[in-house]
Amino acid sequence: MRYEDVPAGPEEEALELTRAGDPRPVAILSLAFDSSDGVVAENRALELLSHRDSEVRRAAVRSLGHIARIHGRLDVGRATSRLPEIAATEPALAGVVDDALDDIAMFVRR
């Protein structure tokens, strides 16, 4: 994985970049940071959890944690039902999954 700055930009632009056939992980993170209410970013991150590229899946998992932290809300059931399966089937993502689950538990108001 190569470090890239997460560019700030309009939510629509970041969303469009995540819809590309091969979305860049940094676009997924940008959407999480710049989403006005987090719902659009959350839905897109949940969709990308099934992407064929592990770095896209990693960014989607990480985004869910950021959305929880930034917005204080998330569909906990949808997110937490998928994340443990990712950690179990893809051990390289287990740490990122644990971090996202910790962020969800800590920052989502119930």
C-alpha atoms as a PDB file:
ATOM      1  CA  MET A   1       0.000   0.000   0.000  1.00  0.00           C
ATOM      2  CA  ARG A   2       1.273   3.447  -0.932  1.00  0.00           C
ATOM      3  CA  TYR A   3       0.363   6.538   1.103  1.00  0.00           C
ATOM      4  CA  GLU A   4      -1.738   9.163  -0.656  1.00  0.00           C
ATOM      5  CA  ASP A   5      -3.114  12.366   0.834  1.00  0.00           C
ATOM      6  CA  VAL A   6      -6.883  12.326   1.072  1.00  0.00           C
ATOM      7  CA  PRO A   7      -7.996  15.267  -1.034  1.00  0.00           C
ATOM      8  CA  ALA A   8     -10.795  17.484   0.195  1.00  0.00           C
ATOM      9  CA  GLY A   9     -13.449  18.068  -2.365  1.00  0.00           C
ATOM     10  CA  PRO A  10     -17.101  18.093  -3.157  1.00  0.00           C
ATOM     11  CA  GLU A  11     -19.041  15.047  -2.011  1.00  0.00           C
ATOM     12  CA  GLU A  12     -20.409  14.481  -5.527  1.00  0.00           C
ATOM     13  CA  GLU A  13     -16.913  14.377  -7.004  1.00  0.00           C
ATOM     14  CA  ALA A  14     -15.690  11.846  -4.438  1.00  0.00           C
ATOM     15  CA  LEU A  15     -18.806   9.718  -4.974  1.00  0.00           C
ATOM     16  CA  GLU A  16     -18.268   9.712  -8.722  1.00  0.00           C
ATOM     17  CA  LEU A  17     -14.651   8.598  -8.243  1.00  0.00           C
ATOM     18  CA  THR A  18     -15.832   5.637  -6.136  1.00  0.00           C
ATOM     19  CA  ARG A  19     -18.169   4.567  -8.933  1.00  0.00           C
ATOM     20  CA  ALA A  20     -15.306   4.018 -11.363  1.00  0.00           C
ATOM     21  CA  GLY A  21     -14.746   0.420 -12.389  1.00  0.00           C
ATOM     22  CA  ASP A  22     -11.556   0.443 -10.356  1.00  0.00           C
ATOM     23  CA  PRO A  23     -12.111   3.003  -7.574  1.00  0.00           C
ATOM     24  CA  ARG A  24      -9.067   4.426  -5.844  1.00  0.00           C
ATOM     25  CA  PRO A  25      -9.048   3.785  -2.098  1.00  0.00           C
ATOM     26  CA  VAL A  26      -8.258   7.449  -1.452  1.00  0.00           C
ATOM     27  CA  ALA A  27     -11.551   8.416  -3.146  1.00  0.00           C
ATOM     28  CA  ILE A  28     -13.450   6.180  -0.747  1.00  0.00           C
ATOM     29  CA  LEU A  29     -11.783   7.825   2.239  1.00  0.00           C
ATOM     30  CA  SER A  30     -12.398  11.271   0.771  1.00  0.00           C
ATOM     31  CA  LEU A  31     -16.095  10.485   0.522  1.00  0.00           C
ATOM     32  CA  ALA A  32     -16.131   9.412   4.185  1.00  0.00           C
ATOM     33  CA  PHE A  33     -14.466  12.667   5.244  1.00  0.00           C
ATOM     34  CA  ASP A  34     -16.489  15.002   3.005  1.00  0.00           C
ATOM     35  CA  SER A  35     -19.971  13.463   3.118  1.00  0.00           C
ATOM     36  CA  SER A  36     -22.479  15.977   4.440  1.00  0.00           C
ATOM     37  CA  ASP A  37     -24.378  13.485   6.592  1.00  0.00           C
ATOM     38  CA  GLY A  38     -22.468  10.223   6.193  1.00  0.00           C
ATOM     39  CA  VAL A  39     -25.362   8.246   4.698  1.00  0.00           C
ATOM     40  CA  VAL A  40     -24.116   8.386   1.102  1.00  0.00           C
ATOM     41  CA  ALA A  41     -20.591   7.472   2.177  1.00  0.00           C
ATOM     42  CA  GLU A  42     -21.855   4.675   4.422  1.00  0.00           C
ATOM     43  CA  ASN A  43     -23.956   3.124   1.662  1.00  0.00           C
ATOM     44  CA  ARG A  44     -21.078   3.283  -0.806  1.00  0.00           C
ATOM     45  CA  ALA A  45     -18.611   1.837   1.722  1.00  0.00           C
ATOM     46  CA  LEU A  46     -20.979  -1.044   2.459  1.00  0.00           C
ATOM     47  CA  GLU A  47     -21.280  -1.756  -1.280  1.00  0.00           C
ATOM     48  CA  LEU A  48     -17.500  -1.721  -1.686  1.00  0.00           C
ATOM     49  CA  LEU A  49     -16.949  -4.289   1.073  1.00  0.00           C
ATOM     50  CA  SER A  50     -17.501  -6.878  -1.681  1.00  0.00           C
ATOM     51  CA  HIS A  51     -15.122  -5.329  -4.217  1.00  0.00           C
ATOM     52  CA  ARG A  52     -12.565  -7.663  -5.804  1.00  0.00           C
ATOM     53  CA  ASP A  53      -9.573  -5.484  -4.770  1.00  0.00           C
ATOM     54  CA  SER A  54      -8.451  -5.906  -1.160  1.00  0.00           C
ATOM     55  CA  GLU A  55      -7.198  -2.302  -0.938  1.00  0.00           C
ATOM     56  CA  VAL A  56     -10.658  -1.057  -1.923  1.00  0.00           C
ATOM     57  CA  ARG A  57     -12.179  -3.330   0.737  1.00  0.00           C
ATOM     58  CA  ARG A  58      -9.633  -2.023   3.267  1.00  0.00           C
ATOM     59  CA  ALA A  59     -10.587   1.586   2.473  1.00  0.00           C
ATOM     60  CA  ALA A  60     -14.289   0.726   2.735  1.00  0.00           C
ATOM     61  CA  VAL A  61     -13.782  -0.825   6.180  1.00  0.00           C
ATOM     62  CA  ARG A  62     -11.671   2.123   7.335  1.00  0.00           C
ATOM     63  CA  SER A  63     -14.307   4.529   5.992  1.00  0.00           C
ATOM     64  CA  LEU A  64     -16.999   2.968   8.154  1.00  0.00           C
ATOM     65  CA  GLY A  65     -14.931   3.733  11.245  1.00  0.00           C
ATOM     66  CA  HIS A  66     -14.342   7.314  10.086  1.00  0.00           C
ATOM     67  CA  ILE A  67     -18.041   7.820   9.355  1.00  0.00           C
ATOM     68  CA  ALA A  68     -18.909   6.623  12.868  1.00  0.00           C
ATOM     69  CA  ARG A  69     -16.334   8.985  14.364  1.00  0.00           C
ATOM     70  CA  ILE A  70     -17.209  12.021  12.253  1.00  0.00           C
ATOM     71  CA  HIS A  71     -20.994  11.718  12.154  1.00  0.00           C
ATOM     72  CA  GLY A  72     -21.728   9.769  15.332  1.00  0.00           C
ATOM     73  CA  ARG A  73     -24.207   7.549  13.520  1.00  0.00           C
ATOM     74  CA  LEU A  74     -24.198   4.537  11.285  1.00  0.00           C
ATOM     75  CA  ASP A  75     -26.475   1.599  10.541  1.00  0.00           C
ATOM     76  CA  VAL A  76     -24.743  -0.517  13.142  1.00  0.00           C
ATOM     77  CA  GLY A  77     -26.536  -3.719  12.176  1.00  0.00           C
ATOM     78  CA  ARG A  78     -25.534  -3.518   8.528  1.00  0.00           C
ATOM     79  CA  ALA A  79     -21.935  -2.594   9.274  1.00  0.00           C
ATOM     80  CA  THR A  80     -21.223  -4.924  12.179  1.00  0.00           C
ATOM     81  CA  SER A  81     -22.840  -7.926  10.505  1.00  0.00           C
ATOM     82  CA  ARG A  82     -20.405  -7.764   7.573  1.00  0.00           C
ATOM     83  CA  LEU A  83     -17.142  -6.762   9.228  1.00  0.00           C
ATOM     84  CA  PRO A  84     -16.400  -9.919  11.268  1.00  0.00           C
ATOM     85  CA  GLU A  85     -16.804 -12.054   8.139  1.00  0.00           C
ATOM     86  CA  ILE A  86     -14.225  -9.902   6.350  1.00  0.00           C
ATOM     87  CA  ALA A  87     -11.772 -10.300   9.233  1.00  0.00           C
ATOM     88  CA  ALA A  88     -12.307 -14.070   9.279  1.00  0.00           C
ATOM     89  CA  THR A  89     -11.897 -14.596   5.543  1.00  0.00           C
ATOM     90  CA  GLU A  90      -9.181 -12.023   4.991  1.00  0.00           C
ATOM     91  CA  PRO A  91      -6.767 -11.998   7.945  1.00  0.00           C
ATOM     92  CA  ALA A  92      -4.743  -9.109   6.460  1.00  0.00           C
ATOM     93  CA  LEU A  93      -7.757  -6.870   7.097  1.00  0.00           C
ATOM     94  CA  ALA A  94      -8.453  -8.092  10.641  1.00  0.00           C
ATOM     95  CA  GLY A  95      -6.675  -5.154  12.300  1.00  0.00           C
ATOM     96  CA  VAL A  96      -8.524  -2.587  10.199  1.00  0.00           C
ATOM     97  CA  VAL A  97     -11.806  -4.357  10.960  1.00  0.00           C
ATOM     98  CA  ASP A  98     -11.037  -4.283  14.694  1.00  0.00           C
ATOM     99  CA  ASP A  99     -10.280  -0.558  14.490  1.00  0.00           C
ATOM    100  CA  ALA A 100     -13.535   0.135  12.627  1.00  0.00           C
ATOM    101  CA  LEU A 101     -15.569  -1.899  15.113  1.00  0.00           C
ATOM    102  CA  ASP A 102     -13.909  -0.022  18.000  1.00  0.00           C
ATOM    103  CA  ASP A 103     -14.756   3.323  16.364  1.00  0.00           C
ATOM    104  CA  ILE A 104     -18.356   2.236  15.812  1.00  0.00           C
ATOM    105  CA  ALA A 105     -18.699   1.110  19.445  1.00  0.00           C
ATOM    106  CA  MET A 106     -17.100   4.290  20.760  1.00  0.00           C
ATOM    107  CA  PHE A 107     -18.668   6.992  18.593  1.00  0.00           C
ATOM    108  CA  VAL A 108     -22.100   5.824  17.450  1.00  0.00           C
ATOM    109  CA  ARG A 109     -24.843   7.184  19.667  1.00  0.00           C
ATOM    110  CA  ARG A 110     -27.425   4.550  20.450  1.00  0.00           C
END
